[in-house]
């Protein structure tokens, strides 16, 4: 894989962005054009919906850490900046590690939990805030597995199925440690759910790690798979982050996974 282009994502301040005291107000310059600014995009992931490329991320200081923010991207071939617009921002609850699903009639849904499978509908009207209930299970289902989704978009797979990647924390906690401030030593797995309601988890692969570029017999302390696609050659393309500093991609024959 080679990097063809690299862009900075900036936000056009054409409307109020966020809630509460940290919200960002609209701003124009002397030419009466909207100013732009760089926003921190936490856990940013790209996906395609409605013939546009979108970015999914968190901006905890302006929207709260339980909200996922979505924006379509505006590309300008003459500039090295890709724009989002504050006026086009939409949010839904809750948290992170969620995979978007493009349904019938351009309906956008999100897999918010892998096990038990939890799918919500995302209102793409920017005038509405998707105040879905938190991802808390009912009293009789408080026990849940420690498998979390990772990829930004669920990929069509087989007959009426969707393929995704999931991760586990090893150990399954975020207690103070000598390795990293937050998550570390992830393992990953492929999973399959049905593409239509009632959504069911039908397959879950064994856990795996990816070989480190520095030591083929070991994995990096932090690996996080966030990109998944199946190409025309029926190969799986995985993209992942390394130690919150670098990115990598690789292809895996689909038959190997099956």
C-alpha atoms as a PDB file:
ATOM      1  CA  UNK A   1       0.000   0.000   0.000  1.00  0.00           C
ATOM      2  CA  UNK A   2       1.194   3.522  -0.844  1.00  0.00           C
ATOM      3  CA  UNK A   3      -0.072   6.872   0.458  1.00  0.00           C
ATOM      4  CA  UNK A   4      -1.514   8.753  -2.536  1.00  0.00           C
ATOM      5  CA  UNK A   5      -2.769  11.878  -0.797  1.00  0.00           C
ATOM      6  CA  UNK A   6      -2.768  13.271   2.706  1.00  0.00           C
ATOM      7  CA  UNK A   7      -5.229  15.875   3.930  1.00  0.00           C
ATOM      8  CA  UNK A   8      -5.878  17.786   7.118  1.00  0.00           C
ATOM      9  CA  UNK A   9      -9.509  17.751   8.280  1.00  0.00           C
ATOM     10  CA  UNK A  10     -10.669  21.223   9.313  1.00  0.00           C
ATOM     11  CA  UNK A  11     -14.089  22.442  10.437  1.00  0.00           C
ATOM     12  CA  UNK A  12     -15.940  25.372   8.878  1.00  0.00           C
ATOM     13  CA  UNK A  13     -17.476  27.465  11.653  1.00  0.00           C
ATOM     14  CA  UNK A  14     -20.800  28.129   9.923  1.00  0.00           C
ATOM     15  CA  UNK A  15     -22.970  27.291  12.953  1.00  0.00           C
ATOM     16  CA  UNK A  16     -22.772  26.591  16.682  1.00  0.00           C
ATOM     17  CA  UNK A  17     -20.738  23.423  17.312  1.00  0.00           C
ATOM     18  CA  UNK A  18     -21.266  21.506  20.539  1.00  0.00           C
ATOM     19  CA  UNK A  19     -23.142  22.029  23.770  1.00  0.00           C
ATOM     20  CA  UNK A  20     -22.632  23.853  27.048  1.00  0.00           C
ATOM     21  CA  UNK A  21     -19.852  26.245  27.943  1.00  0.00           C
ATOM     22  CA  UNK A  22     -17.303  24.686  25.569  1.00  0.00           C
ATOM     23  CA  UNK A  23     -19.404  25.074  22.449  1.00  0.00           C
ATOM     24  CA  UNK A  24     -17.764  26.742  19.441  1.00  0.00           C
ATOM     25  CA  UNK A  25     -19.574  29.775  18.026  1.00  0.00           C
ATOM     26  CA  UNK A  26     -19.816  30.707  14.324  1.00  0.00           C
ATOM     27  CA  UNK A  27     -17.024  32.929  13.037  1.00  0.00           C
ATOM     28  CA  UNK A  28     -16.410  34.915   9.851  1.00  0.00           C
ATOM     29  CA  UNK A  29     -13.391  36.771   8.513  1.00  0.00           C
ATOM     30  CA  UNK A  30     -13.019  40.198   6.873  1.00  0.00           C
ATOM     31  CA  UNK A  31     -14.175  38.721   3.561  1.00  0.00           C
ATOM     32  CA  UNK A  32     -17.397  37.548   5.214  1.00  0.00           C
ATOM     33  CA  UNK A  33     -16.390  33.950   4.756  1.00  0.00           C
ATOM     34  CA  UNK A  34     -16.588  31.419   7.543  1.00  0.00           C
ATOM     35  CA  UNK A  35     -13.370  30.785   9.424  1.00  0.00           C
ATOM     36  CA  UNK A  36     -12.054  27.260   9.812  1.00  0.00           C
ATOM     37  CA  UNK A  37     -10.364  25.537  12.726  1.00  0.00           C
ATOM     38  CA  UNK A  38      -8.733  22.199  13.496  1.00  0.00           C
ATOM     39  CA  UNK A  39     -10.707  20.081  15.949  1.00  0.00           C
ATOM     40  CA  UNK A  40      -9.393  17.009  17.849  1.00  0.00           C
ATOM     41  CA  UNK A  41     -11.053  13.964  16.297  1.00  0.00           C
ATOM     42  CA  UNK A  42     -10.898  11.204  18.904  1.00  0.00           C
ATOM     43  CA  UNK A  43     -11.147   7.653  17.477  1.00  0.00           C
ATOM     44  CA  UNK A  44     -11.792   9.069  13.995  1.00  0.00           C
ATOM     45  CA  UNK A  45     -12.963   6.604  11.333  1.00  0.00           C
ATOM     46  CA  UNK A  46     -14.128   7.042   7.752  1.00  0.00           C
ATOM     47  CA  UNK A  47     -17.193   5.456   6.172  1.00  0.00           C
ATOM     48  CA  UNK A  48     -19.321   5.900   3.043  1.00  0.00           C
ATOM     49  CA  UNK A  49     -23.006   6.768   3.205  1.00  0.00           C
ATOM     50  CA  UNK A  50     -25.364   8.428   0.710  1.00  0.00           C
ATOM     51  CA  UNK A  51     -22.624   8.804  -1.931  1.00  0.00           C
ATOM     52  CA  UNK A  52     -20.454  10.809   0.454  1.00  0.00           C
ATOM     53  CA  UNK A  53     -17.433  10.052   2.603  1.00  0.00           C
ATOM     54  CA  UNK A  54     -18.123  10.663   6.279  1.00  0.00           C
ATOM     55  CA  UNK A  55     -16.027  10.797   9.419  1.00  0.00           C
ATOM     56  CA  UNK A  56     -17.141   9.366  12.753  1.00  0.00           C
ATOM     57  CA  UNK A  57     -15.416  10.617  15.912  1.00  0.00           C
ATOM     58  CA  UNK A  58     -15.787  11.878  19.470  1.00  0.00           C
ATOM     59  CA  UNK A  59     -15.251  15.467  20.648  1.00  0.00           C
ATOM     60  CA  UNK A  60     -15.680  15.075  24.363  1.00  0.00           C
ATOM     61  CA  UNK A  61     -15.115  18.677  25.431  1.00  0.00           C
ATOM     62  CA  UNK A  62     -17.861  20.053  23.197  1.00  0.00           C
ATOM     63  CA  UNK A  63     -20.431  17.232  22.983  1.00  0.00           C
ATOM     64  CA  UNK A  64     -19.637  15.012  25.973  1.00  0.00           C
ATOM     65  CA  UNK A  65     -17.706  11.754  25.992  1.00  0.00           C
ATOM     66  CA  UNK A  66     -20.774   9.562  25.538  1.00  0.00           C
ATOM     67  CA  UNK A  67     -21.675  11.042  22.130  1.00  0.00           C
ATOM     68  CA  UNK A  68     -20.470   9.937  18.709  1.00  0.00           C
ATOM     69  CA  UNK A  69     -20.254  12.781  16.163  1.00  0.00           C
ATOM     70  CA  UNK A  70     -20.785  12.313  12.408  1.00  0.00           C
ATOM     71  CA  UNK A  71     -19.915  14.713   9.577  1.00  0.00           C
ATOM     72  CA  UNK A  72     -19.836  14.398   5.770  1.00  0.00           C
ATOM     73  CA  UNK A  73     -16.492  15.448   4.279  1.00  0.00           C
ATOM     74  CA  UNK A  74     -16.047  18.111   1.589  1.00  0.00           C
ATOM     75  CA  UNK A  75     -13.009  17.569  -0.624  1.00  0.00           C
ATOM     76  CA  UNK A  76     -11.249  20.347  -2.509  1.00  0.00           C
ATOM     77  CA  UNK A  77      -8.622  19.086  -4.980  1.00  0.00           C
ATOM     78  CA  UNK A  78      -6.912  22.499  -4.973  1.00  0.00           C
ATOM     79  CA  UNK A  79      -6.301  22.478  -1.236  1.00  0.00           C
ATOM     80  CA  UNK A  80      -4.658  20.097   1.213  1.00  0.00           C
ATOM     81  CA  UNK A  81      -7.601  20.499   3.571  1.00  0.00           C
ATOM     82  CA  UNK A  82     -10.823  18.511   3.772  1.00  0.00           C
ATOM     83  CA  UNK A  83     -13.703  20.382   5.386  1.00  0.00           C
ATOM     84  CA  UNK A  84     -16.461  19.420   7.742  1.00  0.00           C
ATOM     85  CA  UNK A  85     -19.199  21.953   8.482  1.00  0.00           C
ATOM     86  CA  UNK A  86     -20.444  22.676  11.971  1.00  0.00           C
ATOM     87  CA  UNK A  87     -23.960  23.005  10.549  1.00  0.00           C
ATOM     88  CA  UNK A  88     -23.844  19.406   9.273  1.00  0.00           C
ATOM     89  CA  UNK A  89     -22.759  17.809  12.564  1.00  0.00           C
ATOM     90  CA  UNK A  90     -24.990  15.145  14.045  1.00  0.00           C
ATOM     91  CA  UNK A  91     -24.586  13.028  17.150  1.00  0.00           C
ATOM     92  CA  UNK A  92     -25.878   9.826  18.599  1.00  0.00           C
ATOM     93  CA  UNK A  93     -25.375   7.978  21.838  1.00  0.00           C
ATOM     94  CA  UNK A  94     -23.321   6.331  23.163  1.00  0.00           C
ATOM     95  CA  UNK A  95     -19.558   6.157  23.419  1.00  0.00           C
ATOM     96  CA  UNK A  96     -17.191   4.621  20.899  1.00  0.00           C
ATOM     97  CA  UNK A  97     -16.276   1.386  19.144  1.00  0.00           C
ATOM     98  CA  UNK A  98     -19.424   1.383  17.038  1.00  0.00           C
ATOM     99  CA  UNK A  99     -19.821   0.284  13.413  1.00  0.00           C
ATOM    100  CA  UNK A 100     -22.206   2.026  11.016  1.00  0.00           C
ATOM    101  CA  UNK A 101     -24.601   0.054   8.807  1.00  0.00           C
ATOM    102  CA  UNK A 102     -26.090   1.384   5.567  1.00  0.00           C
ATOM    103  CA  UNK A 103     -29.575  -0.066   5.247  1.00  0.00           C
ATOM    104  CA  UNK A 104     -32.452   0.084   2.807  1.00  0.00           C
ATOM    105  CA  UNK A 105     -33.534   3.488   1.409  1.00  0.00           C
ATOM    106  CA  UNK A 106     -30.318   5.076   2.652  1.00  0.00           C
ATOM    107  CA  UNK A 107     -31.151   4.408   6.289  1.00  0.00           C
ATOM    108  CA  UNK A 108     -28.122   4.663   8.569  1.00  0.00           C
ATOM    109  CA  UNK A 109     -27.874   2.333  11.538  1.00  0.00           C
ATOM    110  CA  UNK A 110     -25.184   1.622  14.077  1.00  0.00           C
ATOM    111  CA  UNK A 111     -24.053  -1.544  15.774  1.00  0.00           C
ATOM    112  CA  UNK A 112     -23.413  -0.222  19.278  1.00  0.00           C
ATOM    113  CA  UNK A 113     -22.699  -3.553  20.947  1.00  0.00           C
ATOM    114  CA  UNK A 114     -21.530  -6.892  19.532  1.00  0.00           C
ATOM    115  CA  UNK A 115     -22.671  -9.283  22.244  1.00  0.00           C
ATOM    116  CA  UNK A 116     -25.542  -9.033  22.893  1.00  0.00           C
ATOM    117  CA  UNK A 117     -26.096  -7.569  19.415  1.00  0.00           C
ATOM    118  CA  UNK A 118     -27.516  -4.036  19.727  1.00  0.00           C
ATOM    119  CA  UNK A 119     -28.428  -2.021  16.616  1.00  0.00           C
ATOM    120  CA  UNK A 120     -29.950   1.481  16.603  1.00  0.00           C
ATOM    121  CA  UNK A 121     -31.220   3.761  13.826  1.00  0.00           C
ATOM    122  CA  UNK A 122     -29.263   7.011  13.395  1.00  0.00           C
ATOM    123  CA  UNK A 123     -31.297  10.088  12.441  1.00  0.00           C
ATOM    124  CA  UNK A 124     -29.209  11.841   9.757  1.00  0.00           C
ATOM    125  CA  UNK A 125     -31.254  15.052   9.998  1.00  0.00           C
ATOM    126  CA  UNK A 126     -28.729  17.553  11.367  1.00  0.00           C
ATOM    127  CA  UNK A 127     -31.458  19.456  13.218  1.00  0.00           C
ATOM    128  CA  UNK A 128     -32.012  16.480  15.505  1.00  0.00           C
ATOM    129  CA  UNK A 129     -29.850  15.050  18.236  1.00  0.00           C
ATOM    130  CA  UNK A 130     -30.067  11.278  18.447  1.00  0.00           C
ATOM    131  CA  UNK A 131     -30.717  10.943  22.146  1.00  0.00           C
ATOM    132  CA  UNK A 132     -30.720   7.183  22.140  1.00  0.00           C
ATOM    133  CA  UNK A 133     -30.629   5.428  25.465  1.00  0.00           C
ATOM    134  CA  UNK A 134     -27.231   4.579  26.830  1.00  0.00           C
ATOM    135  CA  UNK A 135     -25.765   1.199  25.984  1.00  0.00           C
ATOM    136  CA  UNK A 136     -26.756  -0.150  29.371  1.00  0.00           C
ATOM    137  CA  UNK A 137     -28.396  -3.538  29.456  1.00  0.00           C
ATOM    138  CA  UNK A 138     -31.650  -4.220  31.249  1.00  0.00           C
ATOM    139  CA  UNK A 139     -31.459  -5.549  34.793  1.00  0.00           C
ATOM    140  CA  UNK A 140     -31.784  -9.158  33.704  1.00  0.00           C
ATOM    141  CA  UNK A 141     -28.995  -8.774  31.139  1.00  0.00           C
ATOM    142  CA  UNK A 142     -26.355  -6.858  33.026  1.00  0.00           C
ATOM    143  CA  UNK A 143     -23.795  -9.549  32.283  1.00  0.00           C
ATOM    144  CA  UNK A 144     -22.271  -9.025  28.852  1.00  0.00           C
ATOM    145  CA  UNK A 145     -19.202 -10.282  27.095  1.00  0.00           C
ATOM    146  CA  UNK A 146     -16.035  -8.217  26.792  1.00  0.00           C
ATOM    147  CA  UNK A 147     -16.100  -8.164  23.006  1.00  0.00           C
ATOM    148  CA  UNK A 148     -16.227  -4.674  21.463  1.00  0.00           C
ATOM    149  CA  UNK A 149     -16.588  -3.586  17.839  1.00  0.00           C
ATOM    150  CA  UNK A 150     -13.734  -1.751  16.103  1.00  0.00           C
ATOM    151  CA  UNK A 151     -14.316  -1.141  12.375  1.00  0.00           C
ATOM    152  CA  UNK A 152     -16.120   1.991  11.191  1.00  0.00           C
ATOM    153  CA  UNK A 153     -18.492   0.305   8.758  1.00  0.00           C
ATOM    154  CA  UNK A 154     -20.008  -3.176   8.594  1.00  0.00           C
ATOM    155  CA  UNK A 155     -19.129  -4.918   5.312  1.00  0.00           C
ATOM    156  CA  UNK A 156     -21.665  -6.967   3.280  1.00  0.00           C
ATOM    157  CA  UNK A 157     -20.696 -10.619   3.492  1.00  0.00           C
ATOM    158  CA  UNK A 158     -22.349 -13.653   1.910  1.00  0.00           C
ATOM    159  CA  UNK A 159     -26.126 -13.911   1.805  1.00  0.00           C
ATOM    160  CA  UNK A 160     -27.774 -11.279   4.034  1.00  0.00           C
ATOM    161  CA  UNK A 161     -24.853 -11.037   6.463  1.00  0.00           C
ATOM    162  CA  UNK A 162     -22.454  -8.343   7.641  1.00  0.00           C
ATOM    163  CA  UNK A 163     -18.790  -8.815   8.528  1.00  0.00           C
ATOM    164  CA  UNK A 164     -17.014  -6.864  11.245  1.00  0.00           C
ATOM    165  CA  UNK A 165     -13.944  -6.884  13.470  1.00  0.00           C
ATOM    166  CA  UNK A 166     -14.030  -6.907  17.252  1.00  0.00           C
ATOM    167  CA  UNK A 167     -11.458  -6.590  20.000  1.00  0.00           C
ATOM    168  CA  UNK A 168     -10.876  -7.798  23.542  1.00  0.00           C
ATOM    169  CA  UNK A 169      -8.833  -6.144  26.281  1.00  0.00           C
ATOM    170  CA  UNK A 170      -6.143  -8.438  27.676  1.00  0.00           C
ATOM    171  CA  UNK A 171      -6.356  -8.109  30.650  1.00  0.00           C
ATOM    172  CA  UNK A 172     -10.014  -6.984  30.497  1.00  0.00           C
ATOM    173  CA  UNK A 173      -9.585  -3.739  32.437  1.00  0.00           C
ATOM    174  CA  UNK A 174      -7.972  -0.283  32.236  1.00  0.00           C
ATOM    175  CA  UNK A 175      -6.211  -0.290  35.589  1.00  0.00           C
ATOM    176  CA  UNK A 176      -2.875   1.562  35.986  1.00  0.00           C
ATOM    177  CA  UNK A 177      -0.096  -0.424  34.366  1.00  0.00           C
ATOM    178  CA  UNK A 178       3.459  -0.210  33.044  1.00  0.00           C
ATOM    179  CA  UNK A 179       2.471  -0.439  29.361  1.00  0.00           C
ATOM    180  CA  UNK A 180       0.103   2.402  28.482  1.00  0.00           C
ATOM    181  CA  UNK A 181      -2.117   5.050  30.022  1.00  0.00           C
ATOM    182  CA  UNK A 182      -5.279   3.498  28.583  1.00  0.00           C
ATOM    183  CA  UNK A 183      -6.061   0.416  26.471  1.00  0.00           C
ATOM    184  CA  UNK A 184      -3.275  -1.992  25.530  1.00  0.00           C
ATOM    185  CA  UNK A 185      -2.676  -5.600  24.497  1.00  0.00           C
ATOM    186  CA  UNK A 186      -5.789  -5.872  22.374  1.00  0.00           C
ATOM    187  CA  UNK A 187      -6.662  -9.101  20.636  1.00  0.00           C
ATOM    188  CA  UNK A 188      -9.006  -9.102  17.645  1.00  0.00           C
ATOM    189  CA  UNK A 189     -11.597 -11.359  16.084  1.00  0.00           C
ATOM    190  CA  UNK A 190     -13.829 -11.385  13.020  1.00  0.00           C
ATOM    191  CA  UNK A 191     -17.575 -11.655  13.580  1.00  0.00           C
ATOM    192  CA  UNK A 192     -20.700 -11.970  11.441  1.00  0.00           C
ATOM    193  CA  UNK A 193     -24.199 -10.680  12.162  1.00  0.00           C
ATOM    194  CA  UNK A 194     -27.392 -10.905  10.135  1.00  0.00           C
ATOM    195  CA  UNK A 195     -27.961  -7.858   7.886  1.00  0.00           C
ATOM    196  CA  UNK A 196     -31.624  -7.380   8.803  1.00  0.00           C
ATOM    197  CA  UNK A 197     -33.688  -7.455  11.963  1.00  0.00           C
ATOM    198  CA  UNK A 198     -33.825  -9.358  14.192  1.00  0.00           C
ATOM    199  CA  UNK A 199     -30.048  -8.889  14.251  1.00  0.00           C
ATOM    200  CA  UNK A 200     -28.156 -11.926  15.510  1.00  0.00           C
ATOM    201  CA  UNK A 201     -24.503 -12.784  16.067  1.00  0.00           C
ATOM    202  CA  UNK A 202     -23.951 -15.888  13.944  1.00  0.00           C
ATOM    203  CA  UNK A 203     -20.166 -16.339  13.839  1.00  0.00           C
ATOM    204  CA  UNK A 204     -17.172 -15.313  15.949  1.00  0.00           C
ATOM    205  CA  UNK A 205     -13.608 -16.253  15.020  1.00  0.00           C
ATOM    206  CA  UNK A 206     -10.767 -17.171  17.383  1.00  0.00           C
ATOM    207  CA  UNK A 207      -8.819 -14.199  18.696  1.00  0.00           C
ATOM    208  CA  UNK A 208      -5.722 -13.073  16.797  1.00  0.00           C
ATOM    209  CA  UNK A 209      -2.958 -10.465  16.832  1.00  0.00           C
ATOM    210  CA  UNK A 210      -0.948  -9.004  13.968  1.00  0.00           C
ATOM    211  CA  UNK A 211       2.838  -9.454  13.758  1.00  0.00           C
ATOM    212  CA  UNK A 212       4.880  -6.422  14.684  1.00  0.00           C
ATOM    213  CA  UNK A 213       7.044  -4.808  12.042  1.00  0.00           C
ATOM    214  CA  UNK A 214       9.841  -4.800  14.606  1.00  0.00           C
ATOM    215  CA  UNK A 215       9.455  -8.420  15.673  1.00  0.00           C
ATOM    216  CA  UNK A 216       7.582 -10.882  13.467  1.00  0.00           C
ATOM    217  CA  UNK A 217       7.315 -13.309  16.384  1.00  0.00           C
ATOM    218  CA  UNK A 218       5.469 -10.830  18.571  1.00  0.00           C
ATOM    219  CA  UNK A 219       2.718  -8.199  18.384  1.00  0.00           C
ATOM    220  CA  UNK A 220       2.831  -4.503  19.245  1.00  0.00           C
ATOM    221  CA  UNK A 221       1.701  -3.480  22.702  1.00  0.00           C
ATOM    222  CA  UNK A 222      -1.141  -1.463  21.182  1.00  0.00           C
ATOM    223  CA  UNK A 223      -2.807  -2.647  17.982  1.00  0.00           C
ATOM    224  CA  UNK A 224      -6.288  -1.452  17.057  1.00  0.00           C
ATOM    225  CA  UNK A 225      -8.008  -2.578  13.852  1.00  0.00           C
ATOM    226  CA  UNK A 226     -10.324   0.191  12.609  1.00  0.00           C
ATOM    227  CA  UNK A 227     -10.512  -0.407   8.843  1.00  0.00           C
ATOM    228  CA  UNK A 228     -12.140  -3.371   7.111  1.00  0.00           C
ATOM    229  CA  UNK A 229     -13.047  -3.977   3.468  1.00  0.00           C
ATOM    230  CA  UNK A 230     -13.406  -6.838   0.975  1.00  0.00           C
ATOM    231  CA  UNK A 231     -11.923  -6.035  -2.444  1.00  0.00           C
ATOM    232  CA  UNK A 232     -12.825  -7.320  -5.906  1.00  0.00           C
ATOM    233  CA  UNK A 233     -10.321 -10.172  -5.533  1.00  0.00           C
ATOM    234  CA  UNK A 234     -12.207 -11.418  -2.477  1.00  0.00           C
ATOM    235  CA  UNK A 235      -9.375 -10.394  -0.173  1.00  0.00           C
ATOM    236  CA  UNK A 236      -9.972  -8.834   3.214  1.00  0.00           C
ATOM    237  CA  UNK A 237      -8.188  -5.504   3.698  1.00  0.00           C
ATOM    238  CA  UNK A 238      -7.380  -4.634   7.298  1.00  0.00           C
ATOM    239  CA  UNK A 239      -6.115  -1.254   8.492  1.00  0.00           C
ATOM    240  CA  UNK A 240      -4.949  -0.722  12.061  1.00  0.00           C
ATOM    241  CA  UNK A 241      -3.196   1.688  14.374  1.00  0.00           C
ATOM    242  CA  UNK A 242       0.077   0.891  16.141  1.00  0.00           C
ATOM    243  CA  UNK A 243       0.867   2.321  19.581  1.00  0.00           C
ATOM    244  CA  UNK A 244      -1.383   5.325  18.843  1.00  0.00           C
ATOM    245  CA  UNK A 245       1.403   6.641  16.588  1.00  0.00           C
ATOM    246  CA  UNK A 246       1.508   4.764  13.280  1.00  0.00           C
ATOM    247  CA  UNK A 247      -0.828   3.133  10.802  1.00  0.00           C
ATOM    248  CA  UNK A 248      -0.594  -0.097   8.821  1.00  0.00           C
ATOM    249  CA  UNK A 249      -2.624  -2.105   6.314  1.00  0.00           C
ATOM    250  CA  UNK A 250      -2.543  -5.634   4.966  1.00  0.00           C
ATOM    251  CA  UNK A 251      -4.576  -8.055   2.864  1.00  0.00           C
ATOM    252  CA  UNK A 252      -5.787 -11.457   4.023  1.00  0.00           C
ATOM    253  CA  UNK A 253      -7.362 -14.036   1.666  1.00  0.00           C
ATOM    254  CA  UNK A 254     -11.047 -14.320   2.479  1.00  0.00           C
ATOM    255  CA  UNK A 255     -10.813 -18.095   2.277  1.00  0.00           C
ATOM    256  CA  UNK A 256      -8.326 -18.023   5.165  1.00  0.00           C
ATOM    257  CA  UNK A 257     -10.872 -16.320   7.372  1.00  0.00           C
ATOM    258  CA  UNK A 258     -13.692 -18.602   6.277  1.00  0.00           C
END
